């Protein structure tokens, strides 16, 4: 079997959505969303740190100054991984579909897992880096200023011509081997390339959520990233910008209404 020649991801989307690998990926993403939003025993509003922050504020007690983001806690790591699965794995559908179509039958699942594991590990590294920075700066969990700063950065990045060129370049995959060690290496390379495009799509917004996984921001950011991923030349489309701006406006309005602006 010859190597798969590089072809645009958008051109393979119609085939990918009908594949078994797509159903598995989207099923895992849906399960992650349920785990993030559904109430956890003793966890307040869902499994997010934001829920705990809201519960804290409902008692009209300002955050403790010493309370900072803890990226090494099991709760933070699990929640971040669930967020990556829920938000980022759907963006991997065309890449995983291309890998499974190019693979020998016995290697399809393994190479798909290698691709997804590569993306997940890279996103975990990004999340840890952002959370460590927040901890170094003594940023409290759920900090509104931290979230709004990265949302503003995301809005500025949408106007970058360099970002637009890189997004177009990342639409193409490298040649994929059908199995063996070379297949694992090329699947990991494809995952890393697609991860780079995901970072360009929503990296700043993901960093905004290293201090707390705000469900509203997650929904708007996911819609913006998915829209831009599936629509060619979407960086010229106002829809992603409007969605991110709405998320920022929602967060700011919530802060003002709750009277948290003094210590958010």
Protein backbone atom coordinates (compact mmCIF):
# COMPACT_ATOMS: atom_id res chain seq x y z
CA UNK A 1 0.00 0.00 0.00
CA UNK A 2 1.48 3.32 -1.04
CA UNK A 3 1.77 6.25 1.30
CA UNK A 4 -1.16 8.62 1.49
CA UNK A 5 -0.34 11.79 -0.35
CA UNK A 6 -1.01 15.03 1.44
CA UNK A 7 -4.51 16.33 0.73
CA UNK A 8 -6.56 19.12 2.32
CA UNK A 9 -8.34 18.15 5.53
CA UNK A 10 -11.50 19.96 4.51
CA UNK A 11 -11.81 17.79 1.42
CA UNK A 12 -11.92 14.61 3.51
CA UNK A 13 -14.46 15.81 6.08
CA UNK A 14 -17.49 14.28 4.35
CA UNK A 15 -15.86 10.83 4.45
CA UNK A 16 -14.60 11.24 8.02
CA UNK A 17 -17.96 11.97 9.58
CA UNK A 18 -19.30 8.58 8.47
CA UNK A 19 -16.42 6.51 9.84
CA UNK A 20 -16.32 4.41 13.00
CA UNK A 21 -13.31 6.35 14.27
CA UNK A 22 -15.32 9.57 14.06
CA UNK A 23 -18.17 8.11 16.11
CA UNK A 24 -15.69 6.97 18.77
CA UNK A 25 -13.93 10.36 18.92
CA UNK A 26 -17.17 12.32 19.08
CA UNK A 27 -18.59 9.88 21.64
CA UNK A 28 -15.57 10.45 23.89
CA UNK A 29 -15.92 14.21 23.43
CA UNK A 30 -19.61 14.08 24.37
CA UNK A 31 -18.82 12.02 27.46
CA UNK A 32 -16.17 14.56 28.47
CA UNK A 33 -18.70 17.41 28.14
CA UNK A 34 -21.15 15.52 30.35
CA UNK A 35 -18.44 14.91 32.96
CA UNK A 36 -17.48 18.59 32.93
CA UNK A 37 -20.99 20.01 33.19
CA UNK A 38 -22.82 17.42 35.30
CA UNK A 39 -22.71 17.91 39.09
CA UNK A 40 -20.07 15.88 40.88
CA UNK A 41 -20.73 14.51 44.37
CA UNK A 42 -19.56 17.18 46.77
CA UNK A 43 -18.25 19.26 43.88
CA UNK A 44 -20.87 21.98 43.63
CA UNK A 45 -21.72 23.12 40.10
CA UNK A 46 -20.17 20.43 37.98
CA UNK A 47 -16.62 19.19 38.01
CA UNK A 48 -15.12 22.52 37.04
CA UNK A 49 -13.09 24.76 39.25
CA UNK A 50 -15.42 27.54 38.17
CA UNK A 51 -18.29 25.80 39.96
CA UNK A 52 -16.36 25.81 43.19
CA UNK A 53 -15.52 29.46 42.68
CA UNK A 54 -19.21 30.31 42.15
CA UNK A 55 -20.18 28.41 45.28
CA UNK A 56 -17.54 30.32 47.14
CA UNK A 57 -18.87 33.67 45.95
CA UNK A 58 -22.49 32.80 46.70
CA UNK A 59 -21.55 32.95 50.38
CA UNK A 60 -20.30 36.53 49.84
CA UNK A 61 -16.79 35.65 50.94
CA UNK A 62 -14.00 37.20 48.85
CA UNK A 63 -11.24 34.88 47.64
CA UNK A 64 -8.39 34.25 50.03
CA UNK A 65 -5.24 36.03 48.91
CA UNK A 66 -3.11 32.93 49.38
CA UNK A 67 -5.38 30.83 47.16
CA UNK A 68 -3.69 30.32 43.79
CA UNK A 69 -4.03 27.98 40.84
CA UNK A 70 -2.59 24.52 41.57
CA UNK A 71 -1.69 22.79 38.27
CA UNK A 72 -0.29 19.75 40.07
CA UNK A 73 -3.54 18.81 41.77
CA UNK A 74 -5.38 15.76 40.48
CA UNK A 75 -8.58 17.77 40.11
CA UNK A 76 -6.92 20.34 37.84
CA UNK A 77 -5.24 17.73 35.64
CA UNK A 78 -8.38 15.60 35.26
CA UNK A 79 -10.56 18.61 34.47
CA UNK A 80 -8.06 19.96 31.95
CA UNK A 81 -7.82 16.60 30.19
CA UNK A 82 -11.61 16.36 30.03
CA UNK A 83 -11.71 19.84 28.54
CA UNK A 84 -9.12 18.89 25.91
CA UNK A 85 -11.09 15.78 24.98
CA UNK A 86 -14.37 17.66 24.81
CA UNK A 87 -13.13 20.70 22.90
CA UNK A 88 -10.09 19.56 20.91
CA UNK A 89 -10.81 15.97 19.93
CA UNK A 90 -13.66 16.96 17.57
CA UNK A 91 -11.10 19.05 15.65
CA UNK A 92 -9.08 15.87 15.15
CA UNK A 93 -11.83 14.06 13.23
CA UNK A 94 -10.40 14.66 9.71
CA UNK A 95 -6.87 13.73 10.80
CA UNK A 96 -7.91 10.54 12.59
CA UNK A 97 -10.09 9.64 9.62
CA UNK A 98 -7.17 10.11 7.23
CA UNK A 99 -4.91 7.96 9.42
CA UNK A 100 -7.41 5.10 9.69
CA UNK A 101 -8.07 5.11 5.94
CA UNK A 102 -4.33 5.00 5.21
CA UNK A 103 -3.62 2.23 7.74
CA UNK A 104 -3.66 -1.54 7.54
CA UNK A 105 -6.74 -2.95 9.23
CA UNK A 106 -4.80 -4.25 12.21
CA UNK A 107 -3.16 -0.86 12.78
CA UNK A 108 -6.13 1.48 12.45
CA UNK A 109 -7.02 1.68 16.11
CA UNK A 110 -3.44 1.85 17.32
CA UNK A 111 -2.40 4.64 14.96
CA UNK A 112 -5.56 6.61 15.76
CA UNK A 113 -4.74 6.32 19.47
CA UNK A 114 -1.16 7.47 18.83
CA UNK A 115 -2.47 10.57 17.05
CA UNK A 116 -4.98 11.45 19.78
CA UNK A 117 -2.45 10.75 22.55
CA UNK A 118 0.06 13.07 20.89
CA UNK A 119 -2.45 15.90 20.72
CA UNK A 120 -3.64 15.34 24.29
CA UNK A 121 -0.11 15.30 25.73
CA UNK A 122 0.83 18.47 23.86
CA UNK A 123 -2.29 20.24 25.13
CA UNK A 124 -1.53 19.04 28.67
CA UNK A 125 1.93 20.61 28.36
CA UNK A 126 0.38 23.90 27.20
CA UNK A 127 -2.12 23.85 30.05
CA UNK A 128 0.53 23.12 32.66
CA UNK A 129 2.72 25.92 31.31
CA UNK A 130 -0.14 28.40 31.51
CA UNK A 131 -1.19 27.25 34.98
CA UNK A 132 2.39 27.37 36.28
CA UNK A 133 2.66 30.93 34.99
CA UNK A 134 -0.60 31.80 36.72
CA UNK A 135 0.66 30.22 39.95
CA UNK A 136 3.93 32.15 39.68
CA UNK A 137 1.95 35.37 39.33
CA UNK A 138 -0.30 34.36 42.28
CA UNK A 139 -3.40 34.36 40.09
CA UNK A 140 -6.43 33.04 42.03
CA UNK A 141 -8.62 30.28 40.55
CA UNK A 142 -11.33 31.67 38.31
CA UNK A 143 -9.58 35.03 37.90
CA UNK A 144 -11.74 37.18 35.64
CA UNK A 145 -8.88 39.48 34.71
CA UNK A 146 -6.76 36.54 33.54
CA UNK A 147 -9.60 35.22 31.38
CA UNK A 148 -10.45 38.61 29.88
CA UNK A 149 -6.77 39.32 29.10
CA UNK A 150 -6.43 36.14 27.03
CA UNK A 151 -9.80 36.70 25.38
CA UNK A 152 -8.56 40.11 24.24
CA UNK A 153 -5.37 38.45 22.98
CA UNK A 154 -7.48 35.97 21.01
CA UNK A 155 -9.48 38.80 19.44
CA UNK A 156 -6.28 40.56 18.38
CA UNK A 157 -4.85 37.30 16.96
CA UNK A 158 -7.88 36.87 14.70
CA UNK A 159 -6.64 39.86 12.67
CA UNK A 160 -3.13 38.45 12.18
CA UNK A 161 -2.24 37.73 8.54
CA UNK A 162 0.55 35.38 9.67
CA UNK A 163 -1.99 33.34 11.61
CA UNK A 164 -4.11 33.12 8.48
CA UNK A 165 -1.21 31.82 6.39
CA UNK A 166 -0.27 29.23 9.02
CA UNK A 167 -3.85 28.00 9.29
CA UNK A 168 -3.95 27.43 5.54
CA UNK A 169 -0.58 25.67 5.61
CA UNK A 170 -1.70 23.38 8.44
CA UNK A 171 -4.67 22.17 6.38
CA UNK A 172 -2.34 19.61 4.78
CA UNK A 173 -1.07 16.43 6.35
CA UNK A 174 2.30 14.77 5.77
CA UNK A 175 2.52 11.38 4.04
CA UNK A 176 1.15 8.63 6.30
CA UNK A 177 2.58 5.12 6.62
CA UNK A 178 0.07 2.24 6.96
CA UNK A 179 1.59 0.53 10.00
CA UNK A 180 4.61 -0.42 12.05
CA UNK A 181 7.04 1.95 13.70
CA UNK A 182 6.96 4.29 10.72
CA UNK A 183 3.17 4.37 10.91
CA UNK A 184 3.32 5.34 14.59
CA UNK A 185 5.85 8.09 13.84
CA UNK A 186 3.83 9.54 10.96
CA UNK A 187 0.61 9.35 13.01
CA UNK A 188 2.32 11.29 15.81
CA UNK A 189 3.60 13.84 13.27
CA UNK A 190 0.11 14.25 11.85
CA UNK A 191 -1.23 14.73 15.37
CA UNK A 192 1.42 17.34 16.15
CA UNK A 193 0.68 19.21 12.93
CA UNK A 194 -3.04 19.25 13.61
CA UNK A 195 -2.35 20.29 17.21
CA UNK A 196 -0.41 23.27 15.88
CA UNK A 197 -3.46 24.30 13.90
CA UNK A 198 -5.65 23.84 16.99
CA UNK A 199 -3.29 26.12 18.93
CA UNK A 200 -3.64 28.76 16.23
CA UNK A 201 -7.41 28.37 16.32
CA UNK A 202 -7.94 28.69 20.05
CA UNK A 203 -4.64 28.71 21.96
CA UNK A 204 -5.22 32.03 23.80
CA UNK A 205 -8.73 31.02 24.84
CA UNK A 206 -7.47 27.68 26.14
CA UNK A 207 -4.85 29.54 28.19
CA UNK A 208 -7.64 31.72 29.56
CA UNK A 209 -9.17 28.58 31.05
CA UNK A 210 -6.05 27.39 32.85
CA UNK A 211 -7.30 29.25 35.95
CA UNK A 212 -10.81 27.83 35.79
CA UNK A 213 -12.83 25.99 33.21
CA UNK A 214 -15.71 28.39 32.67
CA UNK A 215 -18.56 26.46 30.94
CA UNK A 216 -19.76 29.55 29.05
CA UNK A 217 -16.29 30.28 27.71
CA UNK A 218 -15.85 26.60 26.83
CA UNK A 219 -19.04 26.58 24.75
CA UNK A 220 -18.31 29.82 22.89
CA UNK A 221 -14.65 28.91 22.32
CA UNK A 222 -15.61 25.47 21.01
CA UNK A 223 -18.17 26.92 18.61
CA UNK A 224 -15.65 29.48 17.35
CA UNK A 225 -12.89 26.88 16.85
CA UNK A 226 -15.18 24.35 15.21
CA UNK A 227 -16.64 26.99 12.89
CA UNK A 228 -13.22 28.23 11.84
CA UNK A 229 -11.87 24.70 11.41
CA UNK A 230 -14.65 23.53 9.10
CA UNK A 231 -15.03 26.71 7.01
CA UNK A 232 -12.28 27.56 4.50
CA UNK A 233 -11.00 31.14 4.86
CA UNK A 234 -13.00 31.40 8.09
CA UNK A 235 -10.41 33.88 9.40
CA UNK A 236 -12.14 36.43 7.14
CA UNK A 237 -15.47 35.51 8.66
CA UNK A 238 -16.75 37.56 11.63
CA UNK A 239 -18.50 34.59 13.28
CA UNK A 240 -15.52 33.35 15.39
CA UNK A 241 -14.71 36.90 16.50
CA UNK A 242 -18.31 37.55 17.49
CA UNK A 243 -18.49 34.29 19.47
CA UNK A 244 -15.32 35.02 21.44
CA UNK A 245 -16.39 38.62 22.02
CA UNK A 246 -19.75 37.38 23.33
CA UNK A 247 -17.96 35.06 25.75
CA UNK A 248 -15.87 37.94 27.06
CA UNK A 249 -18.91 40.17 27.38
CA UNK A 250 -20.79 37.44 29.25
CA UNK A 251 -17.95 36.97 31.74
CA UNK A 252 -17.55 40.71 32.30
CA UNK A 253 -21.31 41.21 32.74
CA UNK A 254 -21.49 38.34 35.23
CA UNK A 255 -18.69 39.91 37.26
CA UNK A 256 -20.40 43.29 37.35
CA UNK A 257 -23.74 41.79 38.30
CA UNK A 258 -22.23 39.73 41.12
CA UNK A 259 -20.24 42.69 42.42
CA UNK A 260 -16.97 40.78 42.10
CA UNK A 261 -15.11 43.39 40.11
CA UNK A 262 -13.23 44.55 43.18
CA UNK A 263 -11.38 41.29 43.75
CA UNK A 264 -11.84 39.16 40.58
